[in-house]
Amino acid sequence: MRKGVEERRKALIYKLMIHTVNKSVEQLMKLTLKELETEYKKVQNDCHPHSDAGSIHCINAKRH
């Protein structure tokens, strides 16, 4: 189970680094899993779902 927690922490730290949270990697590494999840939820709430690089873009879509 410990390995799963560490993998989840690493994934959240990576996602938070992509969204340029106002914290350094060292600061993020010191946070608990619960604190990282809270930070990530804040980022998700602040971001528009279609504004990130991972958003869906329709190219050459027909309009009716």
PDB file of N, CA and C in Angstrom:
ATOM      1  N   MET A   1       0.824  -1.194   0.000  1.00  0.00           N
ATOM      2  CA  MET A   1       0.000   0.000   0.000  1.00  0.00           C
ATOM      3  C   MET A   1       0.869   1.260   0.000  1.00  0.00           C
ATOM      4  N   ARG A   2       1.978   1.217   0.668  1.00  0.00           N
ATOM      5  CA  ARG A   2       2.885   2.364   0.738  1.00  0.00           C
ATOM      6  C   ARG A   2       3.365   2.776  -0.649  1.00  0.00           C
ATOM      7  N   LYS A   3       3.606   1.760  -1.500  1.00  0.00           N
ATOM      8  CA  LYS A   3       4.061   2.047  -2.857  1.00  0.00           C
ATOM      9  C   LYS A   3       2.975   2.788  -3.640  1.00  0.00           C
ATOM     10  N   GLY A   4       1.719   2.406  -3.429  1.00  0.00           N
ATOM     11  CA  GLY A   4       0.611   3.071  -4.104  1.00  0.00           C
ATOM     12  C   GLY A   4       0.469   4.524  -3.694  1.00  0.00           C
ATOM     13  N   VAL A   5       0.691   4.805  -2.409  1.00  0.00           N
ATOM     14  CA  VAL A   5       0.618   6.177  -1.895  1.00  0.00           C
ATOM     15  C   VAL A   5       1.725   7.016  -2.511  1.00  0.00           C
ATOM     16  N   GLU A   6       2.927   6.461  -2.586  1.00  0.00           N
ATOM     17  CA  GLU A   6       4.058   7.204  -3.168  1.00  0.00           C
ATOM     18  C   GLU A   6       3.832   7.467  -4.652  1.00  0.00           C
ATOM     19  N   GLU A   7       3.284   6.489  -5.357  1.00  0.00           N
ATOM     20  CA  GLU A   7       2.991   6.684  -6.781  1.00  0.00           C
ATOM     21  C   GLU A   7       1.946   7.788  -6.970  1.00  0.00           C
ATOM     22  N   ARG A   8       0.934   7.808  -6.125  1.00  0.00           N
ATOM     23  CA  ARG A   8      -0.112   8.842  -6.193  1.00  0.00           C
ATOM     24  C   ARG A   8       0.487  10.214  -5.901  1.00  0.00           C
ATOM     25  N   ARG A   9       1.362  10.295  -4.884  1.00  0.00           N
ATOM     26  CA  ARG A   9       2.026  11.567  -4.545  1.00  0.00           C
ATOM     27  C   ARG A   9       2.845  12.074  -5.724  1.00  0.00           C
ATOM     28  N   LYS A  10       3.626  11.179  -6.344  1.00  0.00           N
ATOM     29  CA  LYS A  10       4.459  11.572  -7.485  1.00  0.00           C
ATOM     30  C   LYS A  10       3.602  12.063  -8.647  1.00  0.00           C
ATOM     31  N   ALA A  11       2.493  11.384  -8.897  1.00  0.00           N
ATOM     32  CA  ALA A  11       1.611  11.788  -9.991  1.00  0.00           C
ATOM     33  C   ALA A  11       1.017  13.171  -9.726  1.00  0.00           C
ATOM     34  N   LEU A  12       0.596  13.422  -8.496  1.00  0.00           N
ATOM     35  CA  LEU A  12       0.026  14.729  -8.153  1.00  0.00           C
ATOM     36  C   LEU A  12       1.085  15.825  -8.218  1.00  0.00           C
ATOM     37  N   ILE A  13       2.281  15.537  -7.759  1.00  0.00           N
ATOM     38  CA  ILE A  13       3.372  16.528  -7.828  1.00  0.00           C
ATOM     39  C   ILE A  13       3.655  16.878  -9.283  1.00  0.00           C
ATOM     40  N   TYR A  14       3.693  15.880 -10.142  1.00  0.00           N
ATOM     41  CA  TYR A  14       3.930  16.118 -11.566  1.00  0.00           C
ATOM     42  C   TYR A  14       2.829  16.995 -12.161  1.00  0.00           C
ATOM     43  N   LYS A  15       1.576  16.667 -11.844  1.00  0.00           N
ATOM     44  CA  LYS A  15       0.461  17.459 -12.367  1.00  0.00           C
ATOM     45  C   LYS A  15       0.492  18.890 -11.841  1.00  0.00           C
ATOM     46  N   LEU A  16       0.846  19.061 -10.580  1.00  0.00           N
ATOM     47  CA  LEU A  16       0.916  20.412 -10.013  1.00  0.00           C
ATOM     48  C   LEU A  16       2.058  21.208 -10.626  1.00  0.00           C
ATOM     49  N   MET A  17       3.163  20.544 -10.947  1.00  0.00           N
ATOM     50  CA  MET A  17       4.286  21.235 -11.596  1.00  0.00           C
ATOM     51  C   MET A  17       3.879  21.711 -12.979  1.00  0.00           C
ATOM     52  N   ILE A  18       3.085  20.929 -13.693  1.00  0.00           N
ATOM     53  CA  ILE A  18       2.627  21.298 -15.030  1.00  0.00           C
ATOM     54  C   ILE A  18       1.750  22.544 -14.963  1.00  0.00           C
ATOM     55  N   HIS A  19       0.922  22.617 -13.939  1.00  0.00           N
ATOM     56  CA  HIS A  19       0.015  23.757 -13.794  1.00  0.00           C
ATOM     57  C   HIS A  19       0.677  24.944 -13.101  1.00  0.00           C
ATOM     58  N   THR A  20       1.966  24.915 -12.971  1.00  0.00           N
ATOM     59  CA  THR A  20       2.770  25.998 -12.389  1.00  0.00           C
ATOM     60  C   THR A  20       2.171  26.551 -11.095  1.00  0.00           C
ATOM     61  N   VAL A  21       2.012  25.675 -10.145  1.00  0.00           N
ATOM     62  CA  VAL A  21       1.568  26.087  -8.814  1.00  0.00           C
ATOM     63  C   VAL A  21       2.668  26.951  -8.220  1.00  0.00           C
ATOM     64  N   ASN A  22       2.301  27.877  -7.374  1.00  0.00           N
ATOM     65  CA  ASN A  22       3.274  28.807  -6.792  1.00  0.00           C
ATOM     66  C   ASN A  22       4.115  28.166  -5.698  1.00  0.00           C
ATOM     67  N   LYS A  23       4.501  26.932  -5.899  1.00  0.00           N
ATOM     68  CA  LYS A  23       5.347  26.231  -4.948  1.00  0.00           C
ATOM     69  C   LYS A  23       6.462  25.546  -5.721  1.00  0.00           C
ATOM     70  N   SER A  24       7.599  25.400  -5.067  1.00  0.00           N
ATOM     71  CA  SER A  24       8.710  24.706  -5.696  1.00  0.00           C
ATOM     72  C   SER A  24       8.524  23.199  -5.551  1.00  0.00           C
ATOM     73  N   VAL A  25       9.311  22.446  -6.282  1.00  0.00           N
ATOM     74  CA  VAL A  25       9.251  20.990  -6.201  1.00  0.00           C
ATOM     75  C   VAL A  25       9.561  20.541  -4.776  1.00  0.00           C
ATOM     76  N   GLU A  26      10.520  21.194  -4.143  1.00  0.00           N
ATOM     77  CA  GLU A  26      10.890  20.842  -2.773  1.00  0.00           C
ATOM     78  C   GLU A  26       9.718  21.044  -1.813  1.00  0.00           C
ATOM     79  N   GLN A  27       8.976  22.129  -2.006  1.00  0.00           N
ATOM     80  CA  GLN A  27       7.817  22.389  -1.158  1.00  0.00           C
ATOM     81  C   GLN A  27       6.734  21.349  -1.392  1.00  0.00           C
ATOM     82  N   LEU A  28       6.527  20.973  -2.645  1.00  0.00           N
ATOM     83  CA  LEU A  28       5.521  19.969  -2.959  1.00  0.00           C
ATOM     84  C   LEU A  28       5.901  18.610  -2.382  1.00  0.00           C
ATOM     85  N   MET A  29       7.185  18.278  -2.400  1.00  0.00           N
ATOM     86  CA  MET A  29       7.645  16.994  -1.883  1.00  0.00           C
ATOM     87  C   MET A  29       7.410  16.864  -0.379  1.00  0.00           C
ATOM     88  N   LYS A  30       7.361  17.986   0.324  1.00  0.00           N
ATOM     89  CA  LYS A  30       7.159  17.970   1.773  1.00  0.00           C
ATOM     90  C   LYS A  30       5.692  17.787   2.161  1.00  0.00           C
ATOM     91  N   LEU A  31       4.773  17.975   1.201  1.00  0.00           N
ATOM     92  CA  LEU A  31       3.350  17.876   1.500  1.00  0.00           C
ATOM     93  C   LEU A  31       2.905  16.418   1.602  1.00  0.00           C
ATOM     94  N   THR A  32       1.885  16.193   2.423  1.00  0.00           N
ATOM     95  CA  THR A  32       1.298  14.860   2.531  1.00  0.00           C
ATOM     96  C   THR A  32       0.405  14.611   1.320  1.00  0.00           C
ATOM     97  N   LEU A  33      -0.022  13.365   1.171  1.00  0.00           N
ATOM     98  CA  LEU A  33      -0.910  13.028   0.060  1.00  0.00           C
ATOM     99  C   LEU A  33      -2.195  13.830   0.139  1.00  0.00           C
ATOM    100  N   LYS A  34      -2.753  13.958   1.310  1.00  0.00           N
ATOM    101  CA  LYS A  34      -4.007  14.710   1.490  1.00  0.00           C
ATOM    102  C   LYS A  34      -3.812  16.183   1.099  1.00  0.00           C
ATOM    103  N   GLU A  35      -2.684  16.773   1.494  1.00  0.00           N
ATOM    104  CA  GLU A  35      -2.404  18.173   1.150  1.00  0.00           C
ATOM    105  C   GLU A  35      -2.215  18.339  -0.359  1.00  0.00           C
ATOM    106  N   LEU A  36      -1.552  17.365  -0.997  1.00  0.00           N
ATOM    107  CA  LEU A  36      -1.372  17.421  -2.447  1.00  0.00           C
ATOM    108  C   LEU A  36      -2.706  17.312  -3.165  1.00  0.00           C
ATOM    109  N   GLU A  37      -3.575  16.431  -2.681  1.00  0.00           N
ATOM    110  CA  GLU A  37      -4.895  16.294  -3.280  1.00  0.00           C
ATOM    111  C   GLU A  37      -5.695  17.585  -3.152  1.00  0.00           C
ATOM    112  N   THR A  38      -5.567  18.256  -2.009  1.00  0.00           N
ATOM    113  CA  THR A  38      -6.260  19.526  -1.802  1.00  0.00           C
ATOM    114  C   THR A  38      -5.740  20.581  -2.772  1.00  0.00           C
ATOM    115  N   GLU A  39      -4.422  20.663  -2.933  1.00  0.00           N
ATOM    116  CA  GLU A  39      -3.821  21.622  -3.872  1.00  0.00           C
ATOM    117  C   GLU A  39      -4.299  21.340  -5.295  1.00  0.00           C
ATOM    118  N   TYR A  40      -4.345  20.066  -5.666  1.00  0.00           N
ATOM    119  CA  TYR A  40      -4.768  19.704  -7.019  1.00  0.00           C
ATOM    120  C   TYR A  40      -6.235  20.054  -7.250  1.00  0.00           C
ATOM    121  N   LYS A  41      -7.069  19.850  -6.242  1.00  0.00           N
ATOM    122  CA  LYS A  41      -8.481  20.215  -6.374  1.00  0.00           C
ATOM    123  C   LYS A  41      -8.647  21.718  -6.550  1.00  0.00           C
ATOM    124  N   LYS A  42      -7.814  22.507  -5.883  1.00  0.00           N
ATOM    125  CA  LYS A  42      -7.850  23.961  -6.054  1.00  0.00           C
ATOM    126  C   LYS A  42      -7.508  24.328  -7.497  1.00  0.00           C
ATOM    127  N   VAL A  43      -6.487  23.678  -8.040  1.00  0.00           N
ATOM    128  CA  VAL A  43      -6.070  23.944  -9.421  1.00  0.00           C
ATOM    129  C   VAL A  43      -7.193  23.565 -10.377  1.00  0.00           C
ATOM    130  N   GLN A  44      -7.808  22.418 -10.155  1.00  0.00           N
ATOM    131  CA  GLN A  44      -8.900  21.982 -11.022  1.00  0.00           C
ATOM    132  C   GLN A  44     -10.068  22.955 -10.980  1.00  0.00           C
ATOM    133  N   ASN A  45     -10.393  23.463  -9.816  1.00  0.00           N
ATOM    134  CA  ASN A  45     -11.512  24.398  -9.692  1.00  0.00           C
ATOM    135  C   ASN A  45     -11.212  25.739 -10.344  1.00  0.00           C
ATOM    136  N   ASP A  46      -9.945  26.144 -10.352  1.00  0.00           N
ATOM    137  CA  ASP A  46      -9.560  27.436 -10.914  1.00  0.00           C
ATOM    138  C   ASP A  46      -9.409  27.403 -12.429  1.00  0.00           C
ATOM    139  N   CYS A  47      -9.166  26.236 -12.995  1.00  0.00           N
ATOM    140  CA  CYS A  47      -8.924  26.124 -14.440  1.00  0.00           C
ATOM    141  C   CYS A  47     -10.223  25.890 -15.188  1.00  0.00           C
ATOM    142  N   HIS A  48     -10.341  26.564 -16.301  1.00  0.00           N
ATOM    143  CA  HIS A  48     -11.451  26.299 -17.210  1.00  0.00           C
ATOM    144  C   HIS A  48     -11.161  24.964 -17.892  1.00  0.00           C
ATOM    145  N   PRO A  49     -12.138  24.087 -18.033  1.00  0.00           N
ATOM    146  CA  PRO A  49     -11.869  22.752 -18.564  1.00  0.00           C
ATOM    147  C   PRO A  49     -11.334  22.722 -19.991  1.00  0.00           C
ATOM    148  N   HIS A  50     -11.533  23.782 -20.761  1.00  0.00           N
ATOM    149  CA  HIS A  50     -11.074  23.783 -22.145  1.00  0.00           C
ATOM    150  C   HIS A  50      -9.873  24.705 -22.376  1.00  0.00           C
ATOM    151  N   SER A  51      -9.235  25.151 -21.313  1.00  0.00           N
ATOM    152  CA  SER A  51      -8.145  26.100 -21.484  1.00  0.00           C
ATOM    153  C   SER A  51      -6.770  25.451 -21.413  1.00  0.00           C
ATOM    154  N   ASP A  52      -6.670  24.227 -20.961  1.00  0.00           N
ATOM    155  CA  ASP A  52      -5.371  23.584 -20.794  1.00  0.00           C
ATOM    156  C   ASP A  52      -4.904  22.894 -22.059  1.00  0.00           C
ATOM    157  N   ALA A  53      -3.665  22.482 -22.050  1.00  0.00           N
ATOM    158  CA  ALA A  53      -3.104  21.774 -23.192  1.00  0.00           C
ATOM    159  C   ALA A  53      -3.786  20.433 -23.408  1.00  0.00           C
ATOM    160  N   GLY A  54      -4.378  19.867 -22.369  1.00  0.00           N
ATOM    161  CA  GLY A  54      -5.035  18.579 -22.482  1.00  0.00           C
ATOM    162  C   GLY A  54      -6.473  18.663 -22.928  1.00  0.00           C
ATOM    163  N   SER A  55      -6.920  19.848 -23.283  1.00  0.00           N
ATOM    164  CA  SER A  55      -8.322  19.986 -23.678  1.00  0.00           C
ATOM    165  C   SER A  55      -8.550  19.415 -25.071  1.00  0.00           C
ATOM    166  N   ILE A  56      -9.793  19.154 -25.371  1.00  0.00           N
ATOM    167  CA  ILE A  56     -10.171  18.596 -26.668  1.00  0.00           C
ATOM    168  C   ILE A  56     -10.317  19.729 -27.666  1.00  0.00           C
ATOM    169  N   HIS A  57      -9.695  19.569 -28.794  1.00  0.00           N
ATOM    170  CA  HIS A  57      -9.796  20.561 -29.855  1.00  0.00           C
ATOM    171  C   HIS A  57     -10.377  19.894 -31.100  1.00  0.00           C
ATOM    172  N   CYS A  58     -11.442  20.452 -31.634  1.00  0.00           N
ATOM    173  CA  CYS A  58     -12.067  19.920 -32.839  1.00  0.00           C
ATOM    174  C   CYS A  58     -11.445  20.601 -34.045  1.00  0.00           C
ATOM    175  N   ILE A  59     -10.886  19.802 -34.909  1.00  0.00           N
ATOM    176  CA  ILE A  59     -10.263  20.321 -36.125  1.00  0.00           C
ATOM    177  C   ILE A  59     -11.050  19.782 -37.304  1.00  0.00           C
ATOM    178  N   ASN A  60     -11.403  20.671 -38.219  1.00  0.00           N
ATOM    179  CA  ASN A  60     -12.152  20.302 -39.417  1.00  0.00           C
ATOM    180  C   ASN A  60     -13.510  19.678 -39.064  1.00  0.00           C
ATOM    181  N   ALA A  61     -14.113  20.121 -38.006  1.00  0.00           N
ATOM    182  CA  ALA A  61     -15.434  19.595 -37.620  1.00  0.00           C
ATOM    183  C   ALA A  61     -16.510  20.285 -38.435  1.00  0.00           C
ATOM    184  N   LYS A  62     -17.482  19.507 -38.861  1.00  0.00           N
ATOM    185  CA  LYS A  62     -18.599  20.078 -39.606  1.00  0.00           C
ATOM    186  C   LYS A  62     -19.546  20.740 -38.636  1.00  0.00           C
ATOM    187  N   ARG A  63     -20.026  21.889 -39.009  1.00  0.00           N
ATOM    188  CA  ARG A  63     -21.002  22.596 -38.186  1.00  0.00           C
ATOM    189  C   ARG A  63     -22.351  22.508 -38.871  1.00  0.00           C
ATOM    190  N   HIS A  64     -23.355  22.241 -38.108  1.00  0.00           N
ATOM    191  CA  HIS A  64     -24.712  22.140 -38.661  1.00  0.00           C
ATOM    192  C   HIS A  64     -25.470  23.404 -38.407  1.00  0.00           C
TER     193      HIS A  64
END
